Amino acid sequence: MSGGGSTVQAPTISSMHPTGNKPELGWTSASGVTYAVYKSTNLLAGWMVTPLTNIAGDGNAKIFADPSPTQPAAFYRITAR
């Protein structure tokens, strides 16, 4: 993503661990970047308009654990801005 003359690299998921049927996503954050986590249970119907959460980057590893069960499957997207 880019904007305002700077480029923000989207995060690369470094870990994904299911905790029962509640997935946990991990990535390394960049300082000054806000990450938005989106979810879809049907790729044909599209993605959520409002993110599940926004997480401020600080250069450390970040983890998002989806509090709602996924049945039978869910897809996640993390954007950076």
N, C-alpha and C. Protein backbone atom coordinates (compact mmCIF):
# COMPACT_ATOMS: atom_id res chain seq x y z
N MET A 1 0.85 -1.17 0.00
CA MET A 1 0.00 0.00 0.00
C MET A 1 0.90 1.23 0.00
N SER A 2 0.40 2.29 -0.56
CA SER A 2 1.17 3.52 -0.54
C SER A 2 0.24 4.70 -0.36
N GLY A 3 0.81 5.78 0.05
CA GLY A 3 0.02 6.99 0.23
C GLY A 3 0.87 8.06 0.90
N GLY A 4 0.67 9.30 0.52
CA GLY A 4 1.39 10.38 1.15
C GLY A 4 2.89 10.35 0.90
N GLY A 5 3.30 9.76 -0.22
CA GLY A 5 4.71 9.72 -0.55
C GLY A 5 5.49 8.61 0.12
N SER A 6 4.85 7.79 0.92
CA SER A 6 5.56 6.68 1.56
C SER A 6 4.91 5.36 1.18
N THR A 7 5.68 4.30 1.30
CA THR A 7 5.17 2.97 0.98
C THR A 7 5.11 2.15 2.26
N VAL A 8 4.00 1.47 2.46
CA VAL A 8 3.82 0.60 3.61
C VAL A 8 3.72 -0.82 3.10
N GLN A 9 4.59 -1.69 3.60
CA GLN A 9 4.59 -3.09 3.20
C GLN A 9 3.53 -3.85 3.99
N ALA A 10 2.66 -4.56 3.29
CA ALA A 10 1.67 -5.39 3.98
C ALA A 10 2.39 -6.48 4.75
N PRO A 11 1.86 -6.90 5.88
CA PRO A 11 2.55 -7.89 6.70
C PRO A 11 2.53 -9.27 6.06
N THR A 12 3.55 -10.05 6.39
CA THR A 12 3.60 -11.45 6.01
C THR A 12 3.26 -12.26 7.25
N ILE A 13 2.26 -13.11 7.13
CA ILE A 13 1.85 -13.94 8.26
C ILE A 13 3.01 -14.88 8.59
N SER A 14 3.48 -14.84 9.82
CA SER A 14 4.59 -15.69 10.22
C SER A 14 4.15 -16.92 11.00
N SER A 15 2.92 -16.89 11.50
CA SER A 15 2.40 -18.05 12.21
C SER A 15 0.88 -18.07 12.14
N MET A 16 0.35 -19.27 12.16
CA MET A 16 -1.10 -19.44 12.22
C MET A 16 -1.35 -20.72 13.01
N HIS A 17 -1.97 -20.55 14.17
CA HIS A 17 -2.20 -21.68 15.05
C HIS A 17 -3.67 -21.76 15.39
N PRO A 18 -4.29 -22.89 15.13
CA PRO A 18 -5.67 -23.04 15.58
C PRO A 18 -5.69 -23.33 17.07
N THR A 19 -6.56 -22.66 17.76
CA THR A 19 -6.82 -22.95 19.17
C THR A 19 -8.26 -23.43 19.21
N GLY A 20 -8.44 -24.72 19.09
CA GLY A 20 -9.77 -25.27 18.90
C GLY A 20 -10.23 -24.84 17.52
N ASN A 21 -11.35 -24.17 17.44
CA ASN A 21 -11.82 -23.64 16.15
C ASN A 21 -11.68 -22.12 16.11
N LYS A 22 -10.74 -21.58 16.91
CA LYS A 22 -10.47 -20.14 16.94
C LYS A 22 -9.03 -19.91 16.48
N PRO A 23 -8.83 -19.49 15.24
CA PRO A 23 -7.47 -19.32 14.73
C PRO A 23 -6.74 -18.14 15.34
N GLU A 24 -5.42 -18.24 15.33
CA GLU A 24 -4.54 -17.20 15.85
C GLU A 24 -3.51 -16.89 14.76
N LEU A 25 -3.43 -15.62 14.35
CA LEU A 25 -2.52 -15.19 13.31
C LEU A 25 -1.40 -14.36 13.92
N GLY A 26 -0.18 -14.54 13.44
CA GLY A 26 0.95 -13.78 13.96
C GLY A 26 1.76 -13.15 12.84
N TRP A 27 2.32 -11.96 13.08
CA TRP A 27 3.17 -11.29 12.10
C TRP A 27 4.07 -10.30 12.81
N THR A 28 5.12 -9.87 12.13
CA THR A 28 6.01 -8.85 12.67
C THR A 28 5.51 -7.49 12.20
N SER A 29 5.35 -6.57 13.12
CA SER A 29 4.81 -5.25 12.78
C SER A 29 5.93 -4.25 12.52
N ALA A 30 5.54 -3.17 11.89
CA ALA A 30 6.46 -2.05 11.66
C ALA A 30 5.98 -0.88 12.51
N SER A 31 6.90 -0.11 13.04
CA SER A 31 6.54 1.05 13.87
C SER A 31 5.77 2.07 13.05
N GLY A 32 4.74 2.64 13.65
CA GLY A 32 3.97 3.68 13.00
C GLY A 32 2.95 3.19 11.98
N VAL A 33 2.76 1.89 11.89
CA VAL A 33 1.81 1.31 10.93
C VAL A 33 0.64 0.75 11.70
N THR A 34 -0.57 0.94 11.18
CA THR A 34 -1.77 0.35 11.76
C THR A 34 -2.21 -0.81 10.89
N TYR A 35 -2.47 -1.95 11.51
CA TYR A 35 -2.89 -3.16 10.80
C TYR A 35 -4.37 -3.40 11.08
N ALA A 36 -5.13 -3.66 10.03
CA ALA A 36 -6.55 -3.96 10.16
C ALA A 36 -6.77 -5.42 9.75
N VAL A 37 -7.49 -6.17 10.59
CA VAL A 37 -7.75 -7.58 10.33
C VAL A 37 -9.19 -7.74 9.88
N TYR A 38 -9.38 -8.34 8.71
CA TYR A 38 -10.71 -8.58 8.13
C TYR A 38 -10.95 -10.08 8.04
N LYS A 39 -12.22 -10.47 8.02
CA LYS A 39 -12.58 -11.88 7.96
C LYS A 39 -13.69 -12.08 6.94
N SER A 40 -13.66 -13.23 6.29
CA SER A 40 -14.73 -13.63 5.39
C SER A 40 -15.00 -15.11 5.60
N THR A 41 -16.25 -15.49 5.64
CA THR A 41 -16.60 -16.91 5.71
C THR A 41 -17.08 -17.41 4.36
N ASN A 42 -17.17 -16.49 3.40
CA ASN A 42 -17.59 -16.85 2.05
C ASN A 42 -16.93 -15.88 1.08
N LEU A 43 -15.90 -16.33 0.41
CA LEU A 43 -15.16 -15.44 -0.49
C LEU A 43 -16.03 -14.92 -1.64
N LEU A 44 -17.06 -15.65 -2.02
CA LEU A 44 -17.95 -15.18 -3.08
C LEU A 44 -18.82 -14.02 -2.63
N ALA A 45 -19.12 -13.97 -1.32
CA ALA A 45 -19.97 -12.91 -0.79
C ALA A 45 -19.17 -11.68 -0.38
N GLY A 46 -17.85 -11.81 -0.33
CA GLY A 46 -17.00 -10.66 -0.02
C GLY A 46 -16.51 -10.61 1.41
N TRP A 47 -15.76 -9.53 1.66
CA TRP A 47 -15.12 -9.31 2.96
C TRP A 47 -15.94 -8.37 3.81
N MET A 48 -15.71 -8.41 5.11
CA MET A 48 -16.34 -7.47 6.04
C MET A 48 -15.95 -6.05 5.64
N VAL A 49 -16.85 -5.11 5.84
CA VAL A 49 -16.55 -3.71 5.56
C VAL A 49 -15.74 -3.11 6.71
N THR A 50 -16.11 -3.47 7.93
CA THR A 50 -15.43 -2.97 9.12
C THR A 50 -14.49 -4.06 9.61
N PRO A 51 -13.24 -3.71 9.92
CA PRO A 51 -12.31 -4.74 10.40
C PRO A 51 -12.71 -5.30 11.76
N LEU A 52 -12.28 -6.53 12.02
CA LEU A 52 -12.50 -7.13 13.34
C LEU A 52 -11.75 -6.34 14.40
N THR A 53 -10.57 -5.84 14.03
CA THR A 53 -9.75 -5.06 14.96
C THR A 53 -8.72 -4.26 14.20
N ASN A 54 -8.21 -3.23 14.83
CA ASN A 54 -7.06 -2.46 14.35
C ASN A 54 -5.97 -2.62 15.39
N ILE A 55 -4.75 -2.90 14.91
CA ILE A 55 -3.62 -3.13 15.82
C ILE A 55 -2.49 -2.20 15.43
N ALA A 56 -1.99 -1.43 16.38
CA ALA A 56 -0.89 -0.49 16.14
C ALA A 56 0.43 -1.24 16.13
N GLY A 57 1.24 -0.99 15.09
CA GLY A 57 2.55 -1.61 14.99
C GLY A 57 3.58 -0.86 15.80
N ASP A 58 4.54 -1.61 16.34
CA ASP A 58 5.61 -1.00 17.13
C ASP A 58 6.95 -1.68 16.88
N GLY A 59 7.04 -2.45 15.79
CA GLY A 59 8.28 -3.14 15.48
C GLY A 59 8.41 -4.51 16.12
N ASN A 60 7.40 -4.92 16.88
CA ASN A 60 7.42 -6.22 17.55
C ASN A 60 6.40 -7.17 16.92
N ALA A 61 6.48 -8.43 17.29
CA ALA A 61 5.53 -9.43 16.81
C ALA A 61 4.14 -9.10 17.33
N LYS A 62 3.15 -9.31 16.49
CA LYS A 62 1.76 -9.09 16.87
C LYS A 62 1.00 -10.39 16.67
N ILE A 63 -0.01 -10.60 17.49
CA ILE A 63 -0.86 -11.79 17.38
C ILE A 63 -2.31 -11.34 17.44
N PHE A 64 -3.10 -11.91 16.55
CA PHE A 64 -4.55 -11.70 16.59
C PHE A 64 -5.20 -13.06 16.75
N ALA A 65 -5.99 -13.23 17.79
CA ALA A 65 -6.76 -14.45 18.02
C ALA A 65 -8.22 -14.12 17.79
N ASP A 66 -8.83 -14.76 16.82
CA ASP A 66 -10.25 -14.51 16.52
C ASP A 66 -11.09 -15.04 17.67
N PRO A 67 -11.86 -14.18 18.32
CA PRO A 67 -12.65 -14.63 19.46
C PRO A 67 -13.89 -15.43 19.08
N SER A 68 -14.29 -15.37 17.81
CA SER A 68 -15.49 -16.09 17.40
C SER A 68 -15.13 -17.38 16.67
N PRO A 69 -15.86 -18.45 16.95
CA PRO A 69 -15.57 -19.72 16.29
C PRO A 69 -15.76 -19.62 14.78
N THR A 70 -15.00 -20.41 14.05
CA THR A 70 -15.15 -20.46 12.60
C THR A 70 -15.76 -21.79 12.23
N GLN A 71 -16.86 -21.72 11.51
CA GLN A 71 -17.46 -22.95 11.04
C GLN A 71 -18.01 -22.73 9.65
N PRO A 72 -17.72 -23.56 8.70
CA PRO A 72 -16.67 -24.58 8.76
C PRO A 72 -15.29 -24.00 8.44
N ALA A 73 -15.25 -22.81 7.80
CA ALA A 73 -13.96 -22.22 7.42
C ALA A 73 -14.06 -20.70 7.46
N ALA A 74 -12.90 -20.08 7.60
CA ALA A 74 -12.84 -18.62 7.55
C ALA A 74 -11.57 -18.22 6.83
N PHE A 75 -11.60 -17.05 6.22
CA PHE A 75 -10.47 -16.51 5.50
C PHE A 75 -10.15 -15.15 6.14
N TYR A 76 -8.85 -14.84 6.25
CA TYR A 76 -8.45 -13.60 6.91
C TYR A 76 -7.58 -12.78 5.97
N ARG A 77 -7.68 -11.47 6.13
CA ARG A 77 -6.86 -10.52 5.36
C ARG A 77 -6.38 -9.46 6.35
N ILE A 78 -5.10 -9.13 6.27
CA ILE A 78 -4.55 -8.09 7.11
C ILE A 78 -4.03 -6.99 6.19
N THR A 79 -4.50 -5.77 6.41
CA THR A 79 -4.01 -4.64 5.63
C THR A 79 -3.17 -3.73 6.51
N ALA A 80 -2.29 -2.98 5.88
CA ALA A 80 -1.41 -2.06 6.61
C ALA A 80 -1.61 -0.66 6.06
N ARG A 81 -1.60 0.33 6.98
CA ARG A 81 -1.70 1.72 6.56
C ARG A 81 -0.96 2.61 7.52
